[in-house]
Amino acid sequence: MSKKTPLIKTQGLSVHYPLRATKLFGAPPVVRAVDGIDIEIAAGSFFGLVGESGSGKTTLGRALLRAAPITTGTIEYDDGEVSYNIENVGKADLKDYRKRAQLIFQDPYAALSPRMTVRDIIAEPLEVMGITKTREETDARVREIAAKCRLSLEHLRRFPHAFSGGQRQRISIARALVSNPKFVVADESVAALDVSIQADVLNLLKDIQHEMGLAFLFISHDLSVVAHVCDHVAVMYLGRLVESAPTRQLFAAPRHPYTRALLSAIPSLDPDDRGKAQKLDGEIPSPTNPPPGCKFHTRCPYVKDKCRIDEPSLVVEKGHGVSCHFWKELMPKG
């Protein structure tokens, strides 16, 4: 999808969770959290992943970090120094991959130990992974990354309870970046923050991305935030990818009905735009019993008989991928 060399590439990636059998005979039900995902994340890019709750965004991010069991498919990682097939990497290579791929948690209040100082929180990955050998080397690295995240030496001596939500999230970011990773999953990392603090943290992430050459997988519900920071956006629905395109292209001309509904729900300050949101009837179906054909057909206002039978594949034209049988007919003329 991207012209740059992909840092992360998946093919047919699926994560299924078998449940307890509810009947004496027959196969147990399976939660299809992620179901056949193909994506490419370029080195140094800001890749956005959006969708409703229950669409599989977090599970996909965890799978890319090998923190969720991979059922089928492949995940290729190549940063120019090393390359791995993440789905079957060994213990030694997985330990090295942990240094190169990190996670920023959603809740800055629950993600930090209240019994550790900020210095110890940031230093912990260095000590656990054996990246630094001496305390002096550890302290130097902690001070360096703390400065990049706008944390002072005085901050390093305090405990998490002494900080606001935005400051705690900067501590979480520093902890994720201290191992000098190449790939970072930011899972709703600004959702719990005030709007003004969100902007500060987002600008910090962009500055760090340019300075360190990181690739981010930015998972979010907020499309206005995604539009501000991301280079490329993928839209998930019920474990499947329904649309993927460069940010400007997707926001200017969304092709999938689900993407259009999400974009129409972005709040506007213009009184004339109020009430124009497209309402989707019903709830997202259960991943244990997804509908046949197109997964979105139970809520799509443009559904036809073919949608109920045949599942569309993701077709890419000019860098814009969409999974819909009739997207060309739904596009505005001209």
Foldseek 3Di string as FASTA:
>chain_A
DDPADFQKWKFQWWAKDFDDAPDPDDGTFIQGLAGTDTDGFHFLFEEEEAEDPSLNLVVVLCVQLVNGQIDDIWMWGDDPPDIDGVNDDDPVVSLVVPLAEFEQDQFLVPPFDQVAFLLCLLLVVCVVSVVDDDPVVSSVLLCVLCVLLVHHPVSRGHGPVVDDRLVSSSSSVSSRPSSLHQEYEYANNCVPDDPVSSVVVLVSVQVCSVVSRHTYYYYDHQVVSCLVRGQKYWYGALNYTFKIAGSVVCLVWPQDQVSQLSSLPHDDPDPVSPPRHDDFPDDQDGSSDAQEADSCQVGGPPHDPNRRHHFFDFDDDPRMTGGDPCSVVVTDDD
